[in-house]
Structures are given as structure tokens and as C-alpha cells.
Protein backbone atom coordinates (compact mmCIF):
# COMPACT_ATOMS: atom_id res chain seq x y z
CA MET A 1 -70.93 53.97 40.83
CA ALA A 2 -67.24 54.18 41.04
CA THR A 3 -67.36 51.48 43.76
CA VAL A 4 -69.55 49.22 41.21
CA ALA A 5 -67.10 49.70 38.49
CA HIS A 6 -64.16 49.05 40.70
CA GLU A 7 -65.78 45.71 41.84
CA ASN A 8 -66.35 44.91 38.17
CA ALA A 9 -62.65 45.40 37.25
CA ARG A 10 -61.66 43.55 40.31
CA THR A 11 -63.97 40.54 39.52
CA GLN A 12 -62.56 40.56 35.78
CA ALA A 13 -59.08 40.60 37.12
CA LEU A 14 -59.77 37.59 39.34
CA LEU A 15 -61.59 35.75 36.51
CA GLU A 16 -58.62 36.45 34.16
CA GLU A 17 -56.06 35.35 36.83
CA ASN A 18 -58.18 32.26 37.51
CA ARG A 19 -58.23 31.34 33.69
CA ARG A 20 -54.50 31.97 33.47
CA LEU A 21 -54.01 29.67 36.55
CA ARG A 22 -56.34 27.18 34.95
CA SER A 23 -54.41 27.30 31.78
CA ALA A 24 -51.05 26.96 33.53
CA VAL A 25 -52.38 23.94 35.57
CA ARG A 26 -53.55 22.45 32.32
CA GLU A 27 -50.24 22.89 30.66
CA LEU A 28 -48.21 21.49 33.72
CA SER A 29 -50.59 18.54 33.69
CA VAL A 30 -50.09 17.85 29.92
CA LEU A 31 -46.43 18.24 30.33
CA ASN A 32 -46.20 16.13 33.39
CA ASP A 33 -48.32 13.43 31.78
CA LEU A 34 -46.17 13.50 28.57
CA ALA A 35 -42.89 13.34 30.57
CA SER A 36 -44.22 10.24 32.61
CA ALA A 37 -45.06 8.47 29.42
CA ILE A 38 -42.03 9.03 27.24
CA GLY A 39 -39.18 9.92 29.75
CA ALA A 40 -37.82 6.52 30.35
CA SER A 41 -38.66 5.13 26.73
CA LEU A 42 -35.96 4.40 24.17
CA ASP A 43 -38.42 3.19 21.43
CA SER A 44 -38.82 6.30 19.02
CA GLN A 45 -42.08 4.84 17.45
CA HIS A 46 -43.72 4.83 20.99
CA ILE A 47 -42.36 8.36 21.76
CA ILE A 48 -43.60 9.74 18.53
CA ASP A 49 -46.97 8.07 18.63
CA THR A 50 -47.37 9.20 22.51
CA ILE A 51 -46.43 12.77 21.61
CA ILE A 52 -49.01 12.99 18.73
CA GLN A 53 -51.76 11.27 20.74
CA ARG A 54 -51.28 13.47 23.72
CA SER A 55 -50.90 16.65 21.67
CA VAL A 56 -54.18 15.70 19.68
CA ARG A 57 -56.11 15.30 22.87
CA ALA A 58 -54.84 18.25 24.75
CA LEU A 59 -55.20 20.73 21.82
CA ARG A 60 -58.51 19.01 20.55
CA ALA A 61 -57.17 18.69 16.90
CA GLU A 62 -58.17 16.23 14.40
CA GLN A 63 -54.76 14.70 13.53
CA GLY A 64 -51.20 15.32 14.33
CA VAL A 65 -48.07 14.50 12.37
CA VAL A 66 -44.22 14.24 13.47
CA MET A 67 -41.90 14.70 10.35
CA LEU A 68 -38.20 13.90 11.16
CA LEU A 69 -35.65 15.22 8.79
CA ASP A 70 -33.63 12.39 7.12
CA GLY A 71 -30.20 13.53 6.41
CA GLU A 72 -28.35 16.76 6.95
CA GLN A 73 -30.51 19.98 6.99
CA GLY A 74 -30.89 21.20 3.54
CA SER A 75 -30.86 17.93 1.81
CA ASP A 76 -33.52 16.51 -0.30
CA MET A 77 -36.89 16.17 1.80
CA ARG A 78 -37.07 12.66 2.57
CA THR A 79 -38.85 12.45 5.90
CA LEU A 80 -40.18 9.92 8.46
CA VAL A 81 -43.68 10.34 8.93
CA ARG A 82 -46.01 9.19 11.67
CA VAL A 83 -49.72 10.35 11.59
CA GLY A 84 -52.01 10.47 14.67
CA PRO A 85 -55.49 9.37 15.14
CA SER A 86 -57.99 10.86 12.74
CA VAL A 87 -61.29 11.72 14.27
CA GLU A 88 -63.29 13.50 11.70
CA SER A 89 -61.09 13.45 8.46
CA GLY A 90 -61.40 10.36 6.29
CA HIS A 91 -57.71 10.38 5.24
CA ALA A 92 -54.30 11.31 6.53
CA LEU A 93 -53.38 14.86 6.19
CA HIS A 94 -49.64 15.84 5.34
CA VAL A 95 -47.39 18.73 5.83
CA GLN A 96 -46.99 20.57 2.79
CA GLU A 97 -43.45 20.90 1.38
CA ALA A 98 -43.61 24.65 1.52
CA ILE A 99 -44.47 24.59 5.18
CA LEU A 100 -41.57 22.21 5.64
CA GLY A 101 -39.22 24.70 3.83
CA TRP A 102 -40.60 27.68 5.90
CA MET A 103 -39.86 25.73 9.00
CA ILE A 104 -36.17 24.86 8.12
CA LEU A 105 -35.76 28.52 7.13
CA ASN A 106 -37.16 30.08 10.13
CA ARG A 107 -37.11 27.43 12.92
CA ARG A 108 -40.03 29.03 14.93
CA PRO A 109 -43.84 28.13 15.33
CA LEU A 110 -46.28 28.66 12.37
CA LEU A 111 -50.00 29.23 13.21
CA LEU A 112 -52.24 29.26 9.98
CA ASN A 113 -56.06 29.57 10.78
CA SER A 114 -56.75 30.69 7.13
CA PRO A 115 -54.29 28.83 5.23
CA ARG A 116 -55.61 29.40 1.78
CA SER A 117 -55.68 33.21 2.33
CA ASP A 118 -52.00 33.31 3.82
CA GLU A 119 -49.78 35.37 1.38
CA ARG A 120 -46.79 33.27 2.40
CA PHE A 121 -48.23 30.30 0.96
CA SER A 122 -50.31 31.69 -1.75
CA GLY A 123 -49.15 29.04 -4.28
CA VAL A 124 -49.77 26.09 -2.25
CA ARG A 125 -52.67 23.66 -3.00
CA TRP A 126 -54.08 22.91 0.20
CA ASP A 127 -56.17 19.45 0.97
CA ASP A 128 -60.03 20.45 0.96
CA SER A 129 -60.33 19.06 4.52
CA VAL A 130 -57.52 21.32 6.09
CA ARG A 131 -58.87 24.22 7.91
CA SER A 132 -56.17 25.36 10.24
CA VAL A 133 -52.62 24.10 10.82
CA LEU A 134 -50.21 24.63 13.84
CA CYS A 135 -46.60 23.64 13.39
CA VAL A 136 -43.73 23.91 15.70
CA PRO A 137 -39.92 22.93 15.22
CA LEU A 138 -38.30 20.10 17.04
CA LEU A 139 -34.76 21.36 18.02
CA ALA A 140 -32.17 19.26 19.36
CA LYS A 141 -29.11 21.08 20.56
CA SER A 142 -30.14 23.92 18.44
CA GLU A 143 -30.40 21.63 15.29
CA LEU A 144 -33.68 21.34 13.38
CA THR A 145 -34.49 17.59 13.62
CA GLY A 146 -38.08 17.59 12.57
CA VAL A 147 -41.39 19.38 12.79
CA LEU A 148 -44.53 18.61 15.00
CA ALA A 149 -47.91 19.77 13.38
CA LEU A 150 -51.52 19.76 14.27
CA PHE A 151 -54.55 19.88 11.90
CA ASN A 152 -57.97 21.34 12.37
CA ARG A 153 -58.73 22.46 15.93
CA ARG A 154 -62.21 20.99 16.62
CA GLY A 155 -64.97 23.20 17.84
CA THR A 156 -63.49 26.60 17.24
CA ASN A 157 -62.46 28.80 14.50
CA GLY A 158 -58.82 27.59 14.87
CA PHE A 159 -55.79 27.20 16.98
CA GLY A 160 -54.96 30.23 19.57
CA GLU A 161 -51.71 31.58 21.00
CA SER A 162 -52.10 29.57 24.04
CA ASP A 163 -52.18 26.29 21.94
CA GLN A 164 -48.97 27.58 20.07
CA ARG A 165 -47.37 27.94 23.56
CA LEU A 166 -48.19 24.56 24.73
CA LEU A 167 -47.08 22.77 21.42
CA SER A 168 -43.98 24.60 21.54
CA ILE A 169 -43.27 23.39 25.06
CA VAL A 170 -44.23 19.86 23.99
CA ALA A 171 -41.64 20.16 21.25
CA ALA A 172 -39.00 21.61 23.30
CA GLN A 173 -39.38 18.96 25.74
CA SER A 174 -39.65 15.92 23.36
CA ALA A 175 -37.19 16.72 20.62
CA GLN A 176 -34.11 15.71 22.42
CA ILE A 177 -35.97 12.47 23.82
CA ILE A 178 -36.97 11.63 20.22
CA GLU A 179 -33.08 12.33 18.91
CA ASN A 180 -31.82 10.20 21.84
CA ALA A 181 -34.13 7.47 21.08
CA ARG A 182 -33.15 7.52 17.35
CA LEU A 183 -29.47 7.56 18.02
CA TYR A 184 -29.96 4.70 20.47
CA GLU A 185 -31.69 2.68 17.75
CA GLU A 186 -29.05 3.57 15.32
CA GLU A 187 -26.47 2.45 17.72
CA GLN A 188 -28.38 -0.91 18.35
CA SER A 189 -28.67 -1.32 14.49
CA LEU A 190 -24.94 -0.57 14.13
CA ARG A 191 -24.06 -3.29 16.89
CA HIS A 192 -26.44 -5.86 15.20
CA MET A 193 -24.61 -5.18 11.83
CA GLN A 194 -21.25 -5.42 13.38
CA GLU A 195 -22.12 -8.70 14.81
CA GLU A 196 -23.41 -9.97 11.50
CA LEU A 197 -20.24 -8.99 9.87
CA ARG A 198 -18.31 -10.54 12.46
CA LEU A 199 -20.05 -13.69 11.90
CA ALA A 200 -19.66 -13.56 8.19
CA LYS A 201 -15.82 -12.72 8.54
CA GLU A 202 -15.75 -15.86 10.69
CA ILE A 203 -17.49 -17.96 8.17
CA GLN A 204 -15.53 -16.56 5.38
CA CYS A 205 -12.28 -17.17 7.07
CA ARG A 206 -13.24 -20.70 7.77
CA LEU A 207 -14.07 -21.08 3.90
CA LEU A 208 -10.41 -20.34 2.92
CA PRO A 209 -7.91 -23.09 2.92
CA ASP A 210 -6.83 -23.73 6.66
CA GLY A 211 -3.34 -24.52 5.29
CA ALA A 212 -1.70 -25.49 2.03
CA PRO A 213 -1.96 -29.06 0.70
CA THR A 214 1.21 -31.19 0.34
CA VAL A 215 1.92 -31.87 -3.30
CA ASN A 216 5.14 -33.71 -4.17
CA GLY A 217 7.53 -31.76 -5.97
CA TYR A 218 5.53 -28.42 -5.52
CA GLU A 219 4.86 -25.60 -3.00
CA VAL A 220 1.72 -23.68 -2.87
CA ALA A 221 0.65 -20.78 -0.70
CA GLY A 222 -2.29 -18.44 -0.51
CA ARG A 223 -2.83 -14.98 0.78
CA SER A 224 -6.25 -12.87 1.11
CA ARG A 225 -6.64 -9.59 2.74
CA PRO A 226 -10.02 -7.92 2.47
CA VAL A 227 -10.28 -4.27 2.43
CA GLU A 228 -13.45 -4.44 4.46
CA ALA A 229 -14.61 -6.63 7.29
CA VAL A 230 -15.63 -9.24 4.71
CA GLY A 231 -14.60 -9.22 1.01
CA GLY A 232 -15.36 -10.40 -2.44
CA ASP A 233 -12.16 -12.17 -3.14
CA TYR A 234 -11.46 -15.89 -2.41
CA TYR A 235 -9.04 -18.78 -3.38
CA ASP A 236 -9.09 -22.33 -3.08
CA LEU A 237 -6.71 -25.32 -2.94
CA ILE A 238 -8.43 -28.35 -3.47
CA GLU A 239 -6.57 -31.92 -3.51
CA ALA A 240 -8.39 -33.92 -6.30
CA GLU A 241 -8.08 -37.43 -7.62
CA ARG A 242 -6.21 -36.33 -10.65
CA GLY A 243 -3.98 -33.89 -8.75
CA LEU A 244 -4.25 -30.26 -7.37
CA THR A 245 -7.15 -27.85 -8.31
CA VAL A 246 -6.35 -24.08 -7.84
CA CYS A 247 -8.62 -21.28 -8.11
CA LEU A 248 -8.98 -17.44 -7.41
CA GLY A 249 -11.99 -15.62 -7.76
CA ASP A 250 -13.19 -11.91 -7.52
CA VAL A 251 -16.93 -11.18 -7.08
CA SER A 252 -18.38 -7.76 -7.82
CA GLY A 253 -19.04 -5.33 -4.79
CA LYS A 254 -17.68 -5.47 -1.40
CA GLY A 255 -18.90 -6.31 2.23
CA LEU A 256 -21.47 -8.91 2.99
CA SER A 257 -23.33 -9.37 -0.11
CA ALA A 258 -19.97 -9.92 -2.00
CA ALA A 259 -18.90 -12.36 0.57
CA LEU A 260 -22.32 -14.32 0.30
CA LEU A 261 -21.77 -14.32 -3.51
CA MET A 262 -18.18 -15.60 -3.00
CA ALA A 263 -19.42 -18.45 -0.76
CA ASN A 264 -22.05 -19.53 -3.39
CA LEU A 265 -19.25 -19.66 -6.17
CA GLN A 266 -16.80 -21.54 -3.77
CA ALA A 267 -19.50 -24.23 -3.17
CA SER A 268 -20.17 -24.60 -6.84
CA VAL A 269 -16.57 -24.98 -7.79
CA ARG A 270 -16.02 -27.49 -5.08
CA THR A 271 -18.94 -29.44 -6.24
CA HIS A 272 -17.76 -29.53 -9.75
CA THR A 273 -14.16 -30.47 -8.90
CA SER A 274 -15.67 -33.44 -6.74
CA LEU A 275 -17.43 -34.70 -10.00
CA ALA A 276 -14.16 -34.66 -11.77
CA LEU A 277 -15.30 -31.97 -14.38
CA THR A 278 -12.72 -30.31 -16.50
CA PRO A 279 -11.97 -26.54 -15.49
CA ALA A 280 -13.86 -25.29 -18.65
CA ASP A 281 -17.04 -27.47 -17.85
CA SER A 282 -16.70 -26.34 -14.16
CA LEU A 283 -16.76 -22.71 -15.21
CA LYS A 284 -19.66 -23.28 -17.57
CA ASN A 285 -21.86 -24.68 -14.81
CA ALA A 286 -20.91 -22.15 -12.31
CA ASN A 287 -21.74 -19.57 -14.78
CA ARG A 288 -25.09 -20.99 -15.32
CA LEU A 289 -25.80 -21.22 -11.59
CA LEU A 290 -24.53 -17.63 -10.85
CA TRP A 291 -26.57 -16.21 -13.80
CA GLY A 292 -29.68 -17.84 -12.48
CA SER A 293 -29.35 -16.95 -8.73
CA THR A 294 -28.03 -13.23 -8.62
CA GLU A 295 -29.07 -10.02 -9.93
CA ALA A 296 -28.21 -8.65 -13.34
CA HIS A 297 -25.37 -6.37 -12.06
CA LYS A 298 -23.74 -9.17 -10.19
CA PHE A 299 -20.86 -11.08 -11.76
CA ALA A 300 -17.60 -12.86 -10.72
CA THR A 301 -14.06 -13.26 -12.37
CA LEU A 302 -12.56 -16.78 -11.66
CA PHE A 303 -9.19 -18.42 -12.71
CA LEU A 304 -9.56 -22.17 -12.43
CA ALA A 305 -6.71 -24.67 -12.99
CA GLU A 306 -5.88 -28.17 -12.41
CA LEU A 307 -2.28 -29.53 -11.99
CA GLU A 308 -1.12 -32.84 -12.87
CA PRO A 309 1.87 -33.11 -10.50
CA SER A 310 3.93 -35.86 -12.23
CA SER A 311 4.05 -34.31 -15.60
CA GLY A 312 3.73 -30.72 -14.57
CA THR A 313 0.96 -30.07 -16.96
CA LEU A 314 -1.62 -27.14 -15.78
CA THR A 315 -4.86 -27.31 -17.46
CA TYR A 316 -6.71 -24.05 -16.84
CA SER A 317 -9.72 -21.76 -17.85
CA ASN A 318 -9.94 -18.10 -17.15
CA ALA A 319 -13.23 -16.58 -16.75
CA GLY A 320 -12.47 -12.83 -17.29
CA HIS A 321 -9.84 -12.82 -14.48
CA ASP A 322 -6.63 -10.84 -14.57
CA PRO A 323 -4.22 -13.33 -16.30
CA PRO A 324 -2.04 -15.15 -13.87
CA VAL A 325 1.81 -14.82 -14.70
CA LEU A 326 4.00 -17.93 -15.03
CA ILE A 327 7.61 -16.96 -14.54
CA SER A 328 10.31 -19.34 -15.97
CA ASP A 329 14.05 -19.57 -16.10
CA GLY A 330 15.26 -17.08 -18.70
CA GLY A 331 11.99 -16.75 -20.41
CA ARG A 332 9.55 -14.04 -20.56
CA PRO A 333 6.79 -14.02 -18.25
CA THR A 334 3.65 -15.91 -19.65
CA GLU A 335 0.08 -14.82 -19.15
CA LEU A 336 -2.46 -17.37 -18.78
CA SER A 337 -5.63 -15.77 -20.50
CA VAL A 338 -7.28 -18.36 -22.33
CA GLY A 339 -10.91 -18.91 -21.19
CA GLY A 340 -14.05 -16.70 -21.64
CA LEU A 341 -16.24 -13.97 -20.18
CA VAL A 342 -16.92 -13.37 -16.61
CA LEU A 343 -19.35 -15.43 -14.66
CA GLY A 344 -22.87 -14.31 -14.51
CA PHE A 345 -23.09 -12.02 -17.40
CA LEU A 346 -24.77 -14.35 -19.90
CA GLU A 347 -26.78 -17.57 -19.27
CA GLU A 348 -24.78 -19.55 -21.72
CA THR A 349 -20.97 -18.98 -21.96
CA ARG A 350 -18.42 -21.32 -23.76
CA PHE A 351 -15.17 -21.62 -21.98
CA GLU A 352 -11.80 -22.57 -23.60
CA GLU A 353 -8.97 -24.34 -21.99
CA GLY A 354 -5.40 -23.66 -22.08
CA ARG A 355 -2.45 -25.77 -21.13
CA ILE A 356 1.07 -25.04 -19.92
CA ASP A 357 3.98 -27.31 -18.62
CA MET A 358 5.61 -26.16 -15.32
CA SER A 359 9.37 -26.95 -15.27
CA PRO A 360 11.30 -27.11 -12.25
CA GLY A 361 12.00 -23.67 -10.83
CA ASP A 362 8.96 -22.23 -12.58
CA VAL A 363 6.51 -19.75 -10.42
CA LEU A 364 2.98 -19.28 -11.06
CA VAL A 365 1.37 -16.31 -9.46
CA ILE A 366 -2.51 -16.06 -9.54
CA TYR A 367 -3.67 -12.47 -8.14
CA SER A 368 -6.73 -10.46 -7.77
CA ASP A 369 -6.72 -6.80 -9.22
CA GLY A 370 -6.32 -5.45 -5.75
CA VAL A 371 -2.78 -6.40 -6.22
CA THR A 372 -1.96 -4.53 -9.39
CA ASP A 373 -4.34 -1.82 -8.59
CA ALA A 374 -3.17 -0.86 -5.50
CA LEU A 375 -2.50 2.97 -5.42
CA ASN A 376 0.23 4.97 -3.58
CA PRO A 377 -0.55 8.27 -1.98
CA ASN A 378 0.00 9.79 -5.43
CA GLY A 379 -2.51 7.70 -6.97
CA ARG A 380 -0.10 5.48 -8.87
CA ALA A 381 -0.90 1.84 -9.31
CA PHE A 382 1.35 -0.92 -8.17
CA GLY A 383 1.02 -2.54 -11.66
CA ARG A 384 1.87 -5.77 -13.45
CA ALA A 385 5.41 -4.83 -14.05
CA ARG A 386 6.18 -4.34 -10.40
CA LEU A 387 4.39 -7.62 -9.60
CA VAL A 388 6.55 -9.55 -12.11
CA SER A 389 9.82 -7.76 -10.86
CA THR A 390 9.05 -8.52 -7.23
CA VAL A 391 8.44 -12.21 -7.91
CA GLU A 392 11.68 -12.64 -10.30
CA GLN A 393 13.67 -11.06 -7.40
CA ALA A 394 12.25 -13.67 -4.73
CA ARG A 395 11.79 -16.67 -7.13
CA GLU A 396 14.44 -18.97 -5.45
CA ARG A 397 12.62 -18.60 -1.88
CA SER A 398 9.69 -20.61 -1.09
CA ALA A 399 6.33 -20.10 -2.30
CA GLU A 400 5.47 -18.83 1.21
CA ALA A 401 8.11 -16.33 1.06
CA ILE A 402 7.29 -15.16 -2.28
CA GLY A 403 3.85 -14.51 -1.29
CA ASP A 404 4.96 -12.55 1.74
CA ALA A 405 7.44 -10.49 -0.43
CA LEU A 406 4.70 -9.63 -2.79
CA VAL A 407 2.39 -8.54 -0.17
CA ALA A 408 5.19 -6.64 1.59
CA ALA A 409 6.00 -4.83 -1.75
CA VAL A 410 2.17 -3.87 -2.31
CA GLU A 411 2.08 -2.52 1.39
CA GLU A 412 5.26 -0.48 0.81
CA HIS A 413 4.16 0.97 -2.47
CA ALA A 414 0.72 2.01 -0.96
CA ASP A 415 2.78 3.74 1.95
CA GLY A 416 -0.49 3.92 4.02
CA ALA A 417 -2.80 4.99 1.35
CA GLU A 418 -6.47 3.75 1.67
CA GLN A 419 -7.17 0.94 -0.69
CA THR A 420 -10.49 0.13 -2.26
CA ASP A 421 -10.12 -3.48 -3.30
CA ASP A 422 -9.28 -6.63 -1.78
CA ILE A 423 -5.75 -8.24 -1.93
CA THR A 424 -5.71 -11.75 -2.67
CA LEU A 425 -2.92 -14.05 -4.38
CA VAL A 426 -1.90 -17.78 -4.81
CA VAL A 427 1.87 -18.67 -5.51
CA LEU A 428 2.29 -22.21 -7.11
CA LYS A 429 6.08 -23.15 -7.49
CA ARG A 430 7.65 -26.38 -8.92
CA LEU A 431 10.76 -27.23 -6.92
CA ARG A 432 13.90 -28.02 -8.54
CA SER A 433 15.30 -31.63 -8.15
């Protein structure tokens, strides 16, 4: 009798060992298959889809989901979701916010074979088709990057401990591969963006004047320094039949979108100048074009002036731009503010024109608000008074030298503090006889 019992026990032990070995072989087969499928891939979509498909098949689940946390841990629950094949359910199943919160807090596997009766999730409203859930964390360098979840094990009462073990190993093996692929894609996207910005900057630089036109009796110089790779400021110096057209604009925003809007505005101004329109009419047409082709929150300020060299008469119109400053011998600085609203604010806007006469020795400085708003480390702005003082001290020098002195004064004031706006200016000087 004892011998029979002993043989039975030995048989049971052998069967158990055989079962354990078959399970281990199965696990190794699944893991080896998965490693071969995703190990060399840098496509996160392919990796995630493969992980879900192999996990669903190996654990005989109806559906699988990978949720990648978007942003820093503890932020709002924006996620990237990939849903695997649905075999029996008619719609995609989703991980409840409560489960995701639990995973973020505990960062360990969660097995629910009776989700509706689990006290930890008593307030959760489950989808009617959810019978069992198995979730495991995706940990990359000890940081939770996402969750791998399976729904509804087929043919049994639910998932078992061996299922939990296998899925945990799959997650441990896959998490860093997913993260590496994601980082690679971000790097590629960044490189693509940097190349686009490089091309945009190159185009923008070509749109700026290649040099100052020669106008008998005058000197003109321009400067533009974007705070980002590409900016929203621009200036133009256009030789026209009636004289010299000078403009300086500042479009809302920064970066690529601002640069594109700037290019659009410049094309409009050049077209209207070639048609010999007055500054006011040019601004009116540019405003209508900008209003009809941009979003409601996009706008631009623009100063546009036409110089008649022989008389020194400057006819201008100012569309909401910081008033340029005319500095004359012995007189107070004169602001050129006549005009109208910023461009793109209303569909129809009326612009007025102003006229001034430039005498020999007069200096006109047209600038963007990045000049006067430049901040030092203490948060104090460069200001209009310092601009006027700098120009007055350098007014006997050339237009190029005046521009250089003004840029140098702004940089000295900033003292290395990070700036938030582009710095653009044009200096127009009437020479003495």
C-alpha cells in the first residue's frame, strides 16, 4: 500500500515537473519569438502592435492594449493607445482611469478576474463585456512609461499567476525597446524640424535686403536679429520709380509660422509698391489680404514710407507699429505715428498718411519693439529714451555706424539676459552738403 502511494506521489511530482518544464519552454518560446520580432526595430508602432499580437495569442486573450504615458508622471492622463485584434468583442476595450491611476501609484502587476466585485475599484463602471483584466507596468530605467493590459482570457475563468508572470516578463523585456524606439522617432522628428527651420531661415535671410540701395544724398542701413532660428520681424528697402520705399514690420508670434506670415506680408508690400500705390493704399490692400488669409489671432504691425530724395519729403503710414523717431538738429525727436490699426484685425481699415521733410543731418530710426523692450537682468527695458540718446550721440556718424551703435547699446543693456523678441531696425540719414 505504501509502495502504491509512493509511486502515485512520484508520478504526481513528475507530472508537475513536466508541466513546469512545458510552461518554461512555452515562456522561452514566446519571449524568444518576441525578441526576434522587435529586437532590431525602431518603429514604435510596429513594436507595440507586435507586443500586443504576441501577448494576445500567447495568453489567449480577446484584446490587448498598450497605453504610453504622455508627459511627466503625475500629469494629466493624456495617453497614446494601441488596441490589438478583437476576436470576440464587437468594440475596443479601454483601460479605466482608475486602473491607470492604480498602476502609476503601485507600479506592479494587477490581476482582476472579478473586476466588478473588487473592492479596490468599487466605484468603477465597467464595460459589460469585460470579464477579466491583466495589467502590467512598462518600466524603463525604473520609470513608469506605460501599461500593457489584456482583457478576457478565453476558455477559462480568467487569467492565472502564470499568465501574470509571463506578461510581466514580456513587459520587462519590451519597455526599454519601446522607449528607445520612441526616443529615436523624437530625434528623427527633431532633426526634420531643424532642417525645416534651417531652410526657413535661409529663405528668410534671402528675403531681407542683400544690401542698401544707393540713394543720392542719403544713407540707409538695416539690421535684423531674430530671437529664434526664424523670426517675425522684417524690413525692406525698395528702389521705386518715385524714390525709395522703406518698410519695417512685426508679425505676431515667433518661429516658422511668423516667418511664413512675414514672407506673405513682404510679397504683398512689394507688389503694391511696383504698382506705385501710396503707402496708405498699400496698407489697405495688405490688410485685406492678411485678414482673408490668416487666423483671427494673427496680425502684423507695419510702418511703410516713401522718400522723394530731391525734396526730402517722406510720405508714410503707420499700421499700429511703434512710431519711428526722426532726430533733427536742435529739435525735439519727432514720432511718426499717423496711420491706422494693425494689419489683419478688421477686414476693412482706413489708413491716413503723414508727411515730414528730412533736412540735411536728420536721422530717422525705424525699429521693432524688440529694441525698446529688450530687458536687462533686472527686468528693466531698454526704452525709447535710451534709443533716442544713443542715436543723438552717434548721429554724425554713418547710417551703418548708427545702426551698429544702437545694436551694441541694446546688447550692453541686456548684459546677457535672454530676450523674447526679435531686434530689427532701419536707419535713414540725409547727408549734409
